[in-house]
Amino acid sequence: MIPMHEGTRYGRLILISGVPYRVKNDTNLNYRCVCDCGRSLLVGGHRLRGGKVRSCGCLQIESQTRNLLDNRARVLLKMTIRDRIATA
């Protein structure tokens, strides 16, 4: 078992308990973390150390929103360029 220390940051997650938990029917050691958005969750130690988990899910929602807004701007730009070419 690799020791995990309280206060260690993994992406947006901060380890708040260095004591591992066992969840029923799970062979992995899980640790209590808190995300920057305030949500608390249990995450497997191997997933934290491997970088597989970086947030509680809020990071994915933020990146999807940002990508959606970027794509809308690209589509609007293409439409205006196409309209200008067609009228010229």
Protein backbone atom coordinates (compact mmCIF):
# COMPACT_ATOMS: atom_id res chain seq x y z
CA MET A 1 0.00 0.00 0.00
CA ILE A 2 1.38 3.38 -1.04
CA PRO A 3 0.80 5.98 1.69
CA MET A 4 -1.54 8.85 0.83
CA HIS A 5 -1.20 12.09 2.77
CA GLU A 6 -3.98 14.47 3.78
CA GLY A 7 -4.02 17.76 1.90
CA THR A 8 -2.46 16.32 -1.26
CA ARG A 9 -4.01 17.76 -4.42
CA TYR A 10 -4.94 15.56 -7.39
CA GLY A 11 -6.33 17.83 -10.11
CA ARG A 12 -9.29 19.58 -8.48
CA LEU A 13 -9.53 17.01 -5.68
CA ILE A 14 -7.93 17.42 -2.26
CA LEU A 15 -7.43 14.36 -0.08
CA ILE A 16 -9.11 15.02 3.28
CA SER A 17 -8.59 11.61 4.87
CA GLY A 18 -5.42 9.57 4.59
CA VAL A 19 -7.21 6.54 6.04
CA PRO A 20 -8.49 4.21 3.29
CA TYR A 21 -12.08 2.98 3.19
CA ARG A 22 -13.33 -0.32 1.85
CA VAL A 23 -16.60 -0.16 -0.02
CA LYS A 24 -18.78 -3.26 -0.06
CA ASN A 25 -17.95 -5.62 -2.97
CA ASP A 26 -14.91 -3.52 -3.93
CA THR A 27 -11.35 -4.74 -3.45
CA ASN A 28 -9.77 -1.30 -3.96
CA LEU A 29 -8.86 1.14 -1.23
CA ASN A 30 -10.94 4.30 -1.47
CA TYR A 31 -10.11 7.71 -0.05
CA ARG A 32 -12.34 10.62 0.95
CA CYS A 33 -11.70 13.70 -1.18
CA VAL A 34 -13.30 17.10 -1.58
CA CYS A 35 -13.53 18.89 -4.92
CA ASP A 36 -12.90 22.60 -5.46
CA CYS A 37 -16.64 23.02 -6.10
CA GLY A 38 -17.34 21.68 -2.57
CA ARG A 39 -18.61 18.18 -3.34
CA SER A 40 -17.20 15.33 -1.23
CA LEU A 41 -16.63 11.87 -2.73
CA LEU A 42 -14.84 8.54 -2.31
CA VAL A 43 -12.23 7.78 -4.99
CA GLY A 44 -10.01 4.74 -5.50
CA GLY A 45 -6.38 5.40 -4.61
CA HIS A 46 -5.09 3.87 -7.85
CA ARG A 47 -7.36 6.20 -9.85
CA LEU A 48 -6.10 9.25 -7.94
CA ARG A 49 -2.43 8.39 -8.31
CA GLY A 50 -2.85 7.41 -11.97
CA GLY A 51 -4.58 10.69 -12.85
CA LYS A 52 -7.79 8.97 -14.00
CA VAL A 53 -9.93 11.13 -11.69
CA ARG A 54 -9.35 14.87 -11.60
CA SER A 55 -12.67 16.19 -10.28
CA CYS A 56 -16.13 15.15 -9.13
CA GLY A 57 -17.52 15.69 -12.62
CA CYS A 58 -17.68 19.46 -12.56
CA LEU A 59 -14.61 19.70 -14.81
CA GLN A 60 -16.37 17.73 -17.55
CA ILE A 61 -19.46 19.95 -17.37
CA GLU A 62 -17.33 23.11 -17.57
CA SER A 63 -15.31 21.85 -20.53
CA GLN A 64 -18.46 20.76 -22.40
CA THR A 65 -20.01 24.20 -21.87
CA ARG A 66 -16.83 25.93 -23.02
CA ASN A 67 -16.59 23.71 -26.13
CA LEU A 68 -20.25 24.32 -26.97
CA LEU A 69 -19.76 28.09 -26.83
CA ASP A 70 -16.58 27.87 -28.94
CA ASN A 71 -18.36 25.76 -31.56
CA ARG A 72 -21.27 28.22 -31.75
CA ALA A 73 -18.84 31.05 -32.44
CA ARG A 74 -17.16 29.01 -35.21
CA VAL A 75 -20.50 28.18 -36.84
CA LEU A 76 -21.62 31.82 -36.73
CA LEU A 77 -18.31 32.93 -38.22
CA LYS A 78 -18.61 30.38 -41.05
CA MET A 79 -22.17 31.51 -41.76
CA THR A 80 -21.23 35.18 -41.97
CA ILE A 81 -18.23 34.46 -44.21
CA ARG A 82 -20.37 32.27 -46.48
CA ASP A 83 -23.06 35.00 -46.66
CA ARG A 84 -20.47 37.66 -47.55
CA ILE A 85 -19.00 35.46 -50.31
CA ALA A 86 -22.46 34.72 -51.73
CA THR A 87 -23.47 38.41 -51.87
CA ALA A 88 -20.17 39.57 -53.41
